[in-house]
Amino acid sequence: MEGVWVHRILWLVVAAAFVAGLVVPDAPAQKDDECPPRDLRVAAPYAVTGYWVMPRADPCVTRRMVEAIHAIGGDTLITFGPRFAAGPPGPDFAACRVDGRPCAEVPGVRRVYTYVTSEEFGEGLLRCPGLDRRVESDGRIFYRLTLAGSCAAPAHDLVLVATDGDGLGNLMREAAAYGMTVFPGLPAAPQRAGKPWEPDLAHTAALNAFTARVLADYRGRFGAAFGGVYQSFELAARARSERDPIIALYAAQHAVVADALPGKKIVVSPYIDARRGRGFPPSQVPEGIADIAGTRHGLPMAIAVQDGRGTGKVPVHGPHETDAAVAARLVPVVGAVRNGQAYHGSTTDYVEAAAREVPDGVELWVNVEGFEPTPVAGECGRVDPLPLRGRTTKARLDQQVMAAGRHPAKIISYGWDPFFTCQARHDTPSLADDIAAGWQQPIIVAAYRKAVNGRPGVQVEGYNLRGGTLTFGETPVKQEWYARSRLETAWAPYEPTSPWTAITATNAAGHTSTTPYVMP
């Protein structure tokens, strides 16, 4: 999954986009009460139920986006937290002036931090009269905040915030109307110079002070749709050193969350990297999960392991394909070699490793990356910022859901825009359109031998399995038993005779799996 570094550019790119294809509307932004009525129907519930989204300043664009996600079964929205940056204010803050002077010109300032976001804060954020200010200038809104422990402190750090509107507030309002849950991103830590994959812990005290102010504002303003926060600084789900700087950041910032938002959930999405020579084997994942869980300070936590297929760091294949050639879309990442030569294992291997030892207080989620490592000719995707990414297919996404197996409590995906909404041409469907059209196609996530009343058979678990047949290789067999709980379960009488058995399902509505599940 792409890191928080893309957040600022990407939300600006899509801020005025229609969900149905990134088409910029000609009409000016409308007020919330002028937006089209909400459609609260869930028309095409898919296995993926959460998405990363970019907050929009336009309430009507926000409504269309949330409605489109809700229509395909989405109930969870996640945003990246903008970067809490150390350094002098850049061009975004040129218009920020108080009494004719630049906002940063305040007596006693030791260091200035900046934060560019798409949200407006409440009055509770402003603590020190005169010094803390909300500033409207040149059509933009700014905030100036001191991080001093006392308003009378002679020396203090200052934060300047720039925003183009209340995108996060719009998202919260629409999510509440649709019965959905939002996890806003925590302010992302400053990065080390020369090592941007590590946080600069010299700024942790200032980051925590700002985080506490932001979360106190959220606690006072947001209602039932506010489910908790997303930890925006990424790390790998592998064994980590005792003095790991990212774990240190997590422990410090999550302590602030526990104090400000008791009972709220923290979502973390660590990545896995199966590439030989650069990544790590599945055996390291349980220890990495335990290290992350150790930072939760008693709060509930969801660890959404990134499946790595979108970036090409992890392949999606069955156990019978270790010696097969890597998928064509992965060749630009690892070369034209065999799966076993390029990777330590597949997505299934890593998810199963994570599921072996899920710590108390933690839910295991899986984040299926909804894009391709590189685009191909005629394909839409992300063109800015780099690296270029391509649009994937619904069938490929089905494979990722299948590879996640029955272990995750929830499947989410990065990211809604542009990967689920872009169109190669105005008259071609988006990935979201393809999901809406094919949501009833069965997906098998597990299969195993099971005798019923002395009869040998095979039981499968997954989605959209009700009725119809299970086909084993070329042999269709009618289902004789079906049940539904978190996943659906179906059974058919069949005794496999080969080392690997490919299974597809055709349900009572006539829809068939896009990809066979292979059972050893």
Protein backbone atom coordinates (compact mmCIF):
# COMPACT_ATOMS: atom_id res chain seq x y z
CA MET A 1 0.00 0.00 0.00
CA GLU A 2 1.13 3.52 -0.67
CA GLY A 3 2.30 5.52 2.33
CA VAL A 4 0.91 8.70 3.78
CA TRP A 5 3.39 10.68 1.67
CA VAL A 6 0.95 10.57 -1.23
CA HIS A 7 -1.90 12.04 0.84
CA ARG A 8 -1.52 15.73 0.22
CA ILE A 9 -1.12 15.56 -3.56
CA LEU A 10 -3.67 12.83 -4.09
CA TRP A 11 -6.52 14.42 -2.20
CA LEU A 12 -5.97 17.62 -4.13
CA VAL A 13 -6.11 15.65 -7.40
CA VAL A 14 -9.44 14.03 -6.56
CA ALA A 15 -10.98 16.70 -4.35
CA ALA A 16 -13.53 17.77 -6.95
CA ALA A 17 -14.06 14.40 -8.61
CA PHE A 18 -17.24 12.49 -9.28
CA VAL A 19 -17.18 8.96 -7.91
CA ALA A 20 -18.24 7.55 -11.29
CA GLY A 21 -15.04 8.39 -13.10
CA LEU A 22 -13.07 11.35 -11.82
CA VAL A 23 -15.07 13.84 -13.87
CA VAL A 24 -14.83 17.37 -12.54
CA PRO A 25 -18.28 18.94 -12.20
CA ASP A 26 -18.99 22.20 -14.03
CA ALA A 27 -21.35 23.53 -11.38
CA PRO A 28 -20.01 25.31 -8.30
CA ALA A 29 -19.97 23.49 -4.98
CA GLN A 30 -23.40 23.14 -3.44
CA LYS A 31 -24.46 23.48 0.15
CA ASP A 32 -25.26 20.26 1.99
CA ASP A 33 -29.03 20.81 1.90
CA GLU A 34 -28.85 21.29 -1.87
CA CYS A 35 -27.27 17.88 -2.52
CA PRO A 36 -29.28 15.09 -4.17
CA PRO A 37 -31.21 12.93 -1.71
CA ARG A 38 -29.35 10.02 -0.15
CA ASP A 39 -29.94 6.50 -1.44
CA LEU A 40 -29.47 4.25 1.61
CA ARG A 41 -29.78 0.93 -0.23
CA VAL A 42 -27.01 -1.68 -0.21
CA ALA A 43 -27.52 -2.91 -3.75
CA ALA A 44 -24.42 -5.07 -4.30
CA PRO A 45 -22.74 -6.22 -1.04
CA TYR A 46 -19.18 -7.33 -1.79
CA ALA A 47 -16.62 -9.07 0.44
CA VAL A 48 -14.55 -5.90 0.84
CA THR A 49 -16.27 -3.70 3.42
CA GLY A 50 -13.86 -0.82 4.06
CA TYR A 51 -11.89 1.63 1.94
CA TRP A 52 -9.30 4.37 2.27
CA VAL A 53 -10.81 7.62 1.03
CA MET A 54 -9.75 11.23 0.58
CA PRO A 55 -11.89 13.84 2.37
CA ARG A 56 -13.62 16.33 0.07
CA ALA A 57 -14.46 19.94 0.77
CA ASP A 58 -17.59 19.64 -1.40
CA PRO A 59 -20.42 18.02 0.63
CA CYS A 60 -22.24 16.79 -2.47
CA VAL A 61 -19.15 15.06 -3.87
CA THR A 62 -18.68 13.52 -0.43
CA ARG A 63 -22.26 12.25 -0.44
CA ARG A 64 -21.87 10.62 -3.86
CA MET A 65 -18.62 8.94 -2.77
CA VAL A 66 -20.00 7.59 0.51
CA GLU A 67 -23.20 6.46 -1.22
CA ALA A 68 -21.22 4.55 -3.87
CA ILE A 69 -19.11 2.77 -1.25
CA HIS A 70 -22.18 1.98 0.88
CA ALA A 71 -23.99 0.57 -2.16
CA ILE A 72 -21.38 -2.17 -2.60
CA GLY A 73 -21.42 -3.11 1.07
CA GLY A 74 -18.86 -0.70 2.49
CA ASP A 75 -19.36 0.16 6.15
CA THR A 76 -15.92 1.55 7.04
CA LEU A 77 -13.99 4.60 5.80
CA ILE A 78 -10.35 5.33 6.62
CA THR A 79 -8.34 8.48 5.93
CA PHE A 80 -4.63 9.18 6.03
CA GLY A 81 -3.42 11.71 8.56
CA PRO A 82 -1.53 14.61 7.01
CA ARG A 83 2.15 15.09 7.82
CA PHE A 84 3.00 17.07 10.95
CA ALA A 85 6.01 18.77 9.41
CA ALA A 86 8.92 20.53 11.05
CA GLY A 87 10.36 23.53 9.29
CA PRO A 88 9.49 27.01 8.07
CA PRO A 89 6.03 27.55 6.56
CA GLY A 90 5.86 26.99 2.80
CA PRO A 91 3.68 28.56 0.09
CA ASP A 92 0.50 27.08 1.59
CA PHE A 93 0.82 29.56 4.44
CA ALA A 94 1.69 32.73 2.53
CA ALA A 95 -1.82 34.13 3.06
CA CYS A 96 -1.87 33.41 6.79
CA ARG A 97 -1.55 36.81 8.47
CA VAL A 98 -2.70 38.16 11.82
CA ASP A 99 -2.89 41.93 12.29
CA GLY A 100 -0.93 42.36 9.07
CA ARG A 101 1.96 40.13 10.15
CA PRO A 102 2.77 36.56 9.06
CA CYS A 103 1.13 34.06 11.42
CA ALA A 104 4.48 32.62 12.43
CA GLU A 105 5.81 35.94 13.74
CA VAL A 106 5.01 35.44 17.41
CA PRO A 107 7.30 36.28 20.36
CA GLY A 108 9.07 33.39 22.03
CA VAL A 109 8.67 30.85 19.22
CA ARG A 110 11.32 28.12 19.31
CA ARG A 111 10.14 26.02 16.39
CA VAL A 112 7.32 26.22 13.85
CA TYR A 113 5.44 23.14 12.66
CA THR A 114 2.97 23.01 9.76
CA TYR A 115 -0.03 20.82 8.96
CA VAL A 116 -1.93 20.92 5.66
CA THR A 117 -5.27 19.16 5.91
CA SER A 118 -8.85 18.98 4.65
CA GLU A 119 -10.81 19.58 7.82
CA GLU A 120 -12.04 22.43 9.98
CA PHE A 121 -11.68 22.32 13.74
CA GLY A 122 -13.96 23.50 16.50
CA GLU A 123 -13.45 26.33 18.95
CA GLY A 124 -12.16 23.85 21.51
CA LEU A 125 -8.90 23.65 19.58
CA LEU A 126 -8.17 27.28 20.46
CA ARG A 127 -6.90 27.40 24.02
CA CYS A 128 -4.81 30.57 24.50
CA PRO A 129 -6.72 33.81 23.70
CA GLY A 130 -4.91 36.07 21.28
CA LEU A 131 -2.20 33.58 20.49
CA ASP A 132 -4.38 30.74 19.24
CA ARG A 133 -6.34 31.98 16.26
CA ARG A 134 -8.63 30.87 13.46
CA VAL A 135 -7.72 32.97 10.42
CA GLU A 136 -9.70 33.36 7.18
CA SER A 137 -7.71 34.87 4.33
CA ASP A 138 -7.80 34.68 0.52
CA GLY A 139 -10.52 32.04 0.62
CA ARG A 140 -8.58 29.73 2.92
CA ILE A 141 -8.84 28.89 6.58
CA PHE A 142 -5.81 28.73 8.86
CA TYR A 143 -5.25 27.95 12.52
CA ARG A 144 -2.40 29.11 14.70
CA LEU A 145 -1.82 27.07 17.84
CA THR A 146 0.75 27.18 20.60
CA LEU A 147 1.91 23.91 22.06
CA ALA A 148 3.06 25.50 25.30
CA GLY A 149 1.99 23.85 28.54
CA SER A 150 0.90 27.27 29.80
CA CYS A 151 -0.45 30.22 27.85
CA ALA A 152 1.98 32.43 29.77
CA ALA A 153 5.08 30.42 28.86
CA PRO A 154 7.84 32.70 27.52
CA ALA A 155 9.06 30.11 24.99
CA HIS A 156 6.93 27.69 23.02
CA ASP A 157 6.49 25.72 19.79
CA LEU A 158 3.91 26.88 17.25
CA VAL A 159 1.75 24.96 14.80
CA LEU A 160 0.25 26.52 11.67
CA VAL A 161 -2.62 24.61 10.07
CA ALA A 162 -3.93 25.24 6.54
CA THR A 163 -7.17 23.78 5.22
CA ASP A 164 -9.36 24.24 2.15
CA GLY A 165 -12.60 23.21 3.88
CA ASP A 166 -14.24 20.71 6.18
CA GLY A 167 -13.71 17.53 4.20
CA LEU A 168 -13.46 15.33 7.28
CA GLY A 169 -16.57 16.89 8.80
CA ASN A 170 -18.45 16.20 5.56
CA LEU A 171 -17.26 12.60 5.66
CA MET A 172 -18.39 12.15 9.26
CA ARG A 173 -21.84 13.59 8.54
CA GLU A 174 -22.41 11.36 5.52
CA ALA A 175 -21.04 8.27 7.26
CA ALA A 176 -23.42 8.85 10.15
CA ALA A 177 -26.36 9.12 7.76
CA TYR A 178 -25.41 5.81 6.11
CA GLY A 179 -24.66 4.01 9.37
CA MET A 180 -20.95 3.75 8.56
CA THR A 181 -17.81 4.14 10.67
CA VAL A 182 -14.88 6.50 10.05
CA PHE A 183 -11.29 6.14 11.25
CA PRO A 184 -9.51 9.47 10.64
CA GLY A 185 -5.74 9.28 10.31
CA LEU A 186 -3.62 10.40 13.24
CA PRO A 187 -1.25 13.27 12.46
CA ALA A 188 1.70 11.58 10.76
CA ALA A 189 5.09 12.01 12.42
CA PRO A 190 7.89 14.02 10.84
CA GLN A 191 10.32 11.84 8.90
CA ARG A 192 14.05 11.53 9.41
CA ALA A 193 16.19 13.37 6.90
CA GLY A 194 17.72 10.77 4.60
CA LYS A 195 15.58 7.98 6.11
CA PRO A 196 11.97 8.92 5.34
CA TRP A 197 10.79 5.43 6.33
CA GLU A 198 11.65 6.29 9.96
CA PRO A 199 10.04 8.93 12.21
CA ASP A 200 12.15 11.74 13.61
CA LEU A 201 11.68 11.08 17.31
CA ALA A 202 13.16 14.46 18.21
CA HIS A 203 9.69 15.89 17.47
CA THR A 204 7.63 13.32 19.38
CA ALA A 205 6.75 15.66 22.26
CA ALA A 206 5.42 18.30 19.86
CA LEU A 207 3.59 15.68 17.78
CA ASN A 208 1.93 14.28 20.90
CA ALA A 209 0.88 17.70 22.12
CA PHE A 210 -0.72 18.46 18.75
CA THR A 211 -2.30 15.00 18.54
CA ALA A 212 -3.90 15.52 21.96
CA ARG A 213 -5.43 18.82 20.81
CA VAL A 214 -6.80 17.27 17.61
CA LEU A 215 -8.29 14.25 19.38
CA ALA A 216 -9.89 16.39 22.07
CA ASP A 217 -11.57 18.35 19.27
CA TYR A 218 -12.75 15.10 17.62
CA ARG A 219 -14.09 13.80 20.92
CA GLY A 220 -16.17 16.91 21.40
CA ARG A 221 -17.54 17.19 17.85
CA PHE A 222 -17.92 13.71 16.33
CA GLY A 223 -20.68 11.27 17.18
CA ALA A 224 -21.50 7.63 16.48
CA ALA A 225 -19.69 7.47 13.12
CA PHE A 226 -16.36 8.16 14.84
CA GLY A 227 -14.94 4.68 15.40
CA GLY A 228 -11.38 5.55 16.36
CA VAL A 229 -8.20 6.48 14.52
CA TYR A 230 -5.84 5.13 11.89
CA GLN A 231 -2.09 5.10 12.56
CA SER A 232 -0.71 6.82 9.49
CA PHE A 233 3.00 5.97 9.84
CA GLU A 234 3.62 2.63 8.14
CA LEU A 235 5.87 -0.22 9.21
CA ALA A 236 6.57 -3.81 8.19
CA ALA A 237 4.84 -6.71 9.95
CA ARG A 238 8.11 -8.44 10.83
CA ALA A 239 10.28 -9.05 13.88
CA ARG A 240 11.63 -5.71 15.05
CA SER A 241 14.55 -4.59 17.20
CA GLU A 242 14.09 -3.67 20.86
CA ARG A 243 14.81 -0.01 20.04
CA ASP A 244 12.77 0.22 16.85
CA PRO A 245 11.91 3.91 16.22
CA ILE A 246 8.50 3.21 14.65
CA ILE A 247 7.41 1.04 17.58
CA ALA A 248 8.61 3.83 19.88
CA LEU A 249 6.47 6.32 17.93
CA TYR A 250 3.46 4.00 18.10
CA ALA A 251 3.81 3.53 21.85
CA ALA A 252 4.06 7.27 22.47
CA GLN A 253 1.27 8.39 20.14
CA HIS A 254 -1.08 5.56 21.10
CA ALA A 255 -0.71 6.56 24.77
CA VAL A 256 -2.15 9.92 23.76
CA VAL A 257 -5.03 8.18 21.96
CA ALA A 258 -5.76 6.02 25.02
CA ASP A 259 -5.91 9.12 27.23
CA ALA A 260 -8.06 11.17 24.82
CA LEU A 261 -10.34 8.47 23.38
CA PRO A 262 -10.87 5.67 25.89
CA GLY A 263 -12.54 2.68 24.26
CA LYS A 264 -11.97 3.82 20.68
CA LYS A 265 -10.19 1.52 18.22
CA ILE A 266 -6.77 2.03 16.66
CA VAL A 267 -6.36 0.69 13.10
CA VAL A 268 -2.85 -0.15 11.91
CA SER A 269 -2.03 -1.51 8.44
CA PRO A 270 1.50 -2.99 8.39
CA TYR A 271 2.92 -4.20 5.12
CA ILE A 272 4.44 -7.54 4.21
CA ASP A 273 7.25 -8.01 1.70
CA ALA A 274 7.86 -11.54 0.41
CA ARG A 275 10.58 -10.65 -2.10
CA ARG A 276 13.72 -12.71 -1.65
CA GLY A 277 16.72 -10.53 -0.83
CA ARG A 278 14.57 -7.55 0.21
CA GLY A 279 11.67 -8.90 2.22
CA PHE A 280 11.20 -11.37 5.06
CA PRO A 281 9.67 -14.85 5.47
CA PRO A 282 6.21 -15.52 6.94
CA SER A 283 7.80 -16.84 10.14
CA GLN A 284 8.60 -13.26 11.20
CA VAL A 285 5.01 -12.05 11.01
CA PRO A 286 3.70 -13.25 14.43
CA GLU A 287 6.45 -11.41 16.28
CA GLY A 288 5.80 -8.28 14.25
CA ILE A 289 2.08 -8.45 15.06
CA ALA A 290 2.91 -8.88 18.75
CA ASP A 291 5.21 -5.83 18.71
CA ILE A 292 2.49 -3.69 17.17
CA ALA A 293 -0.15 -4.98 19.60
CA GLY A 294 2.15 -4.06 22.47
CA THR A 295 1.66 -0.36 21.68
CA ARG A 296 -2.14 -0.28 22.09
CA HIS A 297 -2.22 0.85 25.75
CA GLY A 298 -5.34 -1.17 26.47
CA LEU A 299 -7.33 0.10 23.51
CA PRO A 300 -8.92 -2.28 21.02
CA MET A 301 -6.80 -2.55 17.89
CA ALA A 302 -7.37 -3.80 14.35
CA ILE A 303 -4.21 -4.90 12.53
CA ALA A 304 -5.03 -4.87 8.82
CA VAL A 305 -2.13 -6.68 7.16
CA GLN A 306 -1.49 -5.32 3.67
CA ASP A 307 -1.56 -8.23 1.22
CA GLY A 308 1.21 -6.72 -0.94
CA ARG A 309 -0.24 -7.71 -4.31
CA GLY A 310 -0.78 -4.16 -5.54
CA THR A 311 2.85 -3.14 -5.02
CA GLY A 312 4.13 -6.50 -6.28
CA LYS A 313 5.79 -7.32 -2.96
CA VAL A 314 3.71 -10.48 -2.44
CA PRO A 315 2.12 -12.80 -5.03
CA VAL A 316 -1.41 -14.17 -4.94
CA HIS A 317 -1.27 -17.83 -5.88
CA GLY A 318 -2.20 -21.26 -4.62
CA PRO A 319 0.16 -23.79 -2.99
CA HIS A 320 0.33 -25.73 -6.27
CA GLU A 321 1.85 -22.75 -8.11
CA THR A 322 5.17 -22.30 -6.30
CA ASP A 323 7.03 -23.48 -9.38
CA ALA A 324 4.82 -21.57 -11.83
CA ALA A 325 5.94 -18.39 -13.55
CA VAL A 326 5.10 -15.18 -11.71
CA ALA A 327 2.03 -13.32 -12.95
CA ALA A 328 2.69 -11.02 -15.90
CA ARG A 329 1.80 -7.92 -13.89
CA LEU A 330 4.51 -8.83 -11.32
CA VAL A 331 7.33 -9.22 -13.85
CA PRO A 332 8.26 -5.49 -13.73
CA VAL A 333 8.82 -5.88 -9.97
CA VAL A 334 10.67 -9.22 -9.66
CA GLY A 335 11.50 -10.29 -13.21
CA ALA A 336 10.37 -13.20 -15.39
CA VAL A 337 11.08 -15.96 -12.88
CA ARG A 338 9.14 -18.57 -10.92
CA ASN A 339 7.12 -17.72 -7.83
CA GLY A 340 9.40 -19.71 -5.54
CA GLN A 341 12.49 -18.00 -6.98
CA ALA A 342 11.09 -14.50 -6.49
CA TYR A 343 9.19 -14.79 -3.20
CA HIS A 344 9.35 -16.40 0.24
CA GLY A 345 5.65 -17.24 -0.01
CA SER A 346 2.21 -16.09 -1.09
CA THR A 347 -0.39 -13.88 0.56
CA THR A 348 -2.04 -16.94 2.08
CA ASP A 349 1.21 -17.96 3.80
CA TYR A 350 1.56 -14.54 5.44
CA VAL A 351 -2.06 -14.21 6.50
CA GLU A 352 -2.00 -17.71 8.00
CA ALA A 353 1.17 -16.79 9.89
CA ALA A 354 -0.51 -13.65 11.24
CA ALA A 355 -3.58 -15.64 12.27
CA ARG A 356 -1.63 -18.20 14.33
CA GLU A 357 -1.07 -15.88 17.29
CA VAL A 358 -3.48 -12.95 17.26
CA PRO A 359 -2.86 -11.10 20.56
CA ASP A 360 -5.63 -10.37 23.03
CA GLY A 361 -7.47 -7.15 22.26
CA VAL A 362 -6.58 -7.33 18.56
CA GLU A 363 -8.71 -8.12 15.50
CA LEU A 364 -6.96 -9.42 12.40
CA TRP A 365 -8.07 -7.58 9.27
CA VAL A 366 -6.62 -7.87 5.77
CA ASN A 367 -6.01 -4.91 3.48
CA VAL A 368 -6.23 -6.08 -0.14
CA GLU A 369 -4.42 -3.61 -2.37
CA GLY A 370 -6.81 -2.58 -5.14
CA PHE A 371 -4.28 -1.65 -7.84
CA GLU A 372 -1.51 -3.03 -10.04
CA PRO A 373 2.24 -2.35 -9.64
CA THR A 374 2.47 -0.62 -13.03
CA PRO A 375 -0.10 0.49 -15.62
CA VAL A 376 -0.39 -0.97 -19.10
CA ALA A 377 -1.38 0.83 -22.29
CA GLY A 378 -4.98 2.00 -22.32
CA GLU A 379 -5.47 1.41 -18.61
CA CYS A 380 -6.50 4.05 -16.10
CA GLY A 381 -4.92 4.36 -12.69
CA ARG A 382 -2.77 6.82 -10.80
CA VAL A 383 -0.55 9.13 -12.79
CA ASP A 384 0.45 11.54 -10.01
CA PRO A 385 2.25 11.25 -7.68
CA LEU A 386 4.80 8.64 -8.68
CA PRO A 387 5.12 5.69 -8.79
CA LEU A 388 2.55 5.06 -11.50
CA ARG A 389 -0.06 2.47 -10.56
CA GLY A 390 -2.57 0.64 -12.74
CA ARG A 391 -6.19 -0.41 -12.27
CA THR A 392 -6.84 -4.01 -11.40
CA THR A 393 -9.84 -6.20 -12.19
CA LYS A 394 -12.70 -7.58 -10.17
CA ALA A 395 -11.44 -11.12 -10.82
CA ARG A 396 -8.01 -10.22 -9.42
CA LEU A 397 -9.66 -8.69 -6.35
CA ASP A 398 -11.64 -11.93 -5.93
CA GLN A 399 -8.32 -13.80 -5.90
CA GLN A 400 -7.03 -11.55 -3.12
CA VAL A 401 -10.16 -12.15 -1.05
CA MET A 402 -9.74 -15.87 -1.66
CA ALA A 403 -6.08 -15.71 -0.58
CA ALA A 404 -7.01 -13.93 2.67
CA GLY A 405 -8.91 -17.07 3.61
CA ARG A 406 -11.31 -17.36 6.50
CA HIS A 407 -8.99 -15.70 9.01
CA PRO A 408 -9.72 -11.96 8.74
CA ALA A 409 -12.54 -10.47 10.77
CA LYS A 410 -12.78 -7.81 8.07
CA ILE A 411 -11.39 -7.12 4.59
CA ILE A 412 -10.62 -3.54 3.59
CA SER A 413 -8.85 -2.01 0.59
CA TYR A 414 -6.54 0.79 -0.39
CA GLY A 415 -7.81 2.83 -2.04
CA TRP A 416 -11.11 4.07 -3.37
CA ASP A 417 -9.77 6.93 -5.48
CA PRO A 418 -8.57 6.63 -8.14
CA PHE A 419 -8.34 2.85 -8.34
CA PHE A 420 -12.01 1.92 -7.86
CA THR A 421 -13.42 4.97 -9.64
CA CYS A 422 -11.22 5.70 -12.67
CA GLN A 423 -12.35 4.82 -16.19
CA ALA A 424 -10.19 4.12 -19.24
CA ARG A 425 -12.80 6.06 -21.26
CA HIS A 426 -15.99 7.82 -20.31
CA ASP A 427 -18.03 4.91 -21.70
CA THR A 428 -16.15 2.08 -19.92
CA PRO A 429 -16.91 0.81 -16.42
CA SER A 430 -14.84 1.52 -13.34
CA LEU A 431 -13.74 -1.21 -10.95
CA ALA A 432 -16.58 -0.16 -8.64
CA ASP A 433 -18.99 -0.60 -11.56
CA ASP A 434 -17.60 -4.08 -12.20
CA ILE A 435 -18.07 -5.00 -8.54
CA ALA A 436 -21.65 -3.76 -8.63
CA ALA A 437 -22.30 -5.87 -11.75
CA GLY A 438 -20.58 -9.03 -10.49
CA TRP A 439 -21.03 -8.94 -6.72
CA GLN A 440 -23.03 -12.19 -6.73
CA GLN A 441 -20.15 -14.23 -8.16
CA PRO A 442 -19.13 -16.80 -5.52
CA ILE A 443 -15.72 -16.61 -3.83
CA ILE A 444 -14.40 -19.73 -2.09
CA VAL A 445 -11.92 -18.93 0.70
CA ALA A 446 -11.52 -22.41 2.23
CA ALA A 447 -12.21 -26.03 1.27
CA TYR A 448 -11.64 -29.27 3.12
CA ARG A 449 -12.77 -32.89 3.17
CA LYS A 450 -15.71 -33.62 5.46
CA ALA A 451 -17.85 -36.72 5.75
CA VAL A 452 -21.57 -36.26 6.48
CA ASN A 453 -23.57 -39.26 7.70
CA GLY A 454 -20.78 -41.52 6.58
CA ARG A 455 -20.66 -40.06 3.08
CA PRO A 456 -17.38 -38.50 1.89
CA GLY A 457 -17.67 -34.92 0.72
CA VAL A 458 -16.09 -31.52 0.49
CA GLN A 459 -17.14 -28.48 2.51
CA VAL A 460 -16.36 -24.98 1.26
CA GLU A 461 -16.55 -21.58 2.90
CA GLY A 462 -16.83 -18.18 1.32
CA TYR A 463 -19.26 -15.70 -0.18
CA ASN A 464 -22.41 -16.06 -2.35
CA LEU A 465 -22.41 -19.86 -2.18
CA ARG A 466 -26.11 -20.53 -1.60
CA GLY A 467 -27.68 -23.21 -3.82
CA GLY A 468 -26.42 -24.51 -7.13
CA THR A 469 -23.37 -26.71 -7.60
CA LEU A 470 -19.75 -27.19 -6.66
CA THR A 471 -17.62 -28.22 -9.62
CA PHE A 472 -14.55 -30.34 -8.87
CA GLY A 473 -12.30 -30.15 -11.88
CA GLU A 474 -14.81 -30.92 -14.63
CA THR A 475 -17.34 -32.68 -12.38
CA PRO A 476 -20.35 -30.65 -11.19
CA VAL A 477 -22.01 -31.86 -7.97
CA LYS A 478 -25.19 -30.43 -6.51
CA GLN A 479 -24.93 -28.82 -3.08
CA GLU A 480 -26.77 -30.76 -0.37
CA TRP A 481 -26.18 -28.53 2.65
CA TYR A 482 -25.77 -24.79 3.25
CA ALA A 483 -25.42 -22.54 6.31
CA ARG A 484 -24.56 -18.94 6.95
CA SER A 485 -22.78 -17.15 9.78
CA ARG A 486 -19.82 -14.77 9.34
CA LEU A 487 -19.00 -16.72 6.18
CA GLU A 488 -21.25 -18.97 4.11
CA THR A 489 -20.70 -22.73 4.15
CA ALA A 490 -21.77 -25.33 1.57
CA TRP A 491 -21.26 -29.08 1.28
CA ALA A 492 -21.46 -31.51 -1.60
CA PRO A 493 -20.77 -35.25 -1.76
CA TYR A 494 -17.48 -35.79 -3.55
CA GLU A 495 -14.28 -37.71 -2.89
CA PRO A 496 -11.19 -36.08 -4.46
CA THR A 497 -8.86 -38.46 -6.25
CA SER A 498 -6.05 -36.13 -7.40
CA PRO A 499 -3.32 -34.32 -5.40
CA TRP A 500 -4.84 -30.92 -6.24
CA THR A 501 -8.54 -30.34 -6.78
CA ALA A 502 -9.76 -27.15 -8.47
CA ILE A 503 -13.17 -26.11 -7.12
CA THR A 504 -15.57 -23.54 -8.54
CA ALA A 505 -19.02 -22.68 -7.26
CA THR A 506 -22.15 -21.81 -9.21
CA ASN A 507 -24.89 -20.48 -6.97
CA ALA A 508 -28.65 -20.69 -7.31
CA ALA A 509 -28.69 -17.34 -9.13
CA GLY A 510 -26.46 -18.80 -11.85
CA HIS A 511 -23.29 -16.90 -11.01
CA THR A 512 -19.93 -18.71 -11.09
CA SER A 513 -16.60 -18.09 -9.36
CA THR A 514 -14.16 -15.99 -11.35
CA THR A 515 -11.21 -18.08 -10.07
CA PRO A 516 -11.09 -21.72 -8.91
CA TYR A 517 -10.03 -22.53 -5.37
CA VAL A 518 -7.40 -25.30 -5.37
CA MET A 519 -7.62 -27.77 -2.47
CA PRO A 520 -4.68 -30.05 -1.67
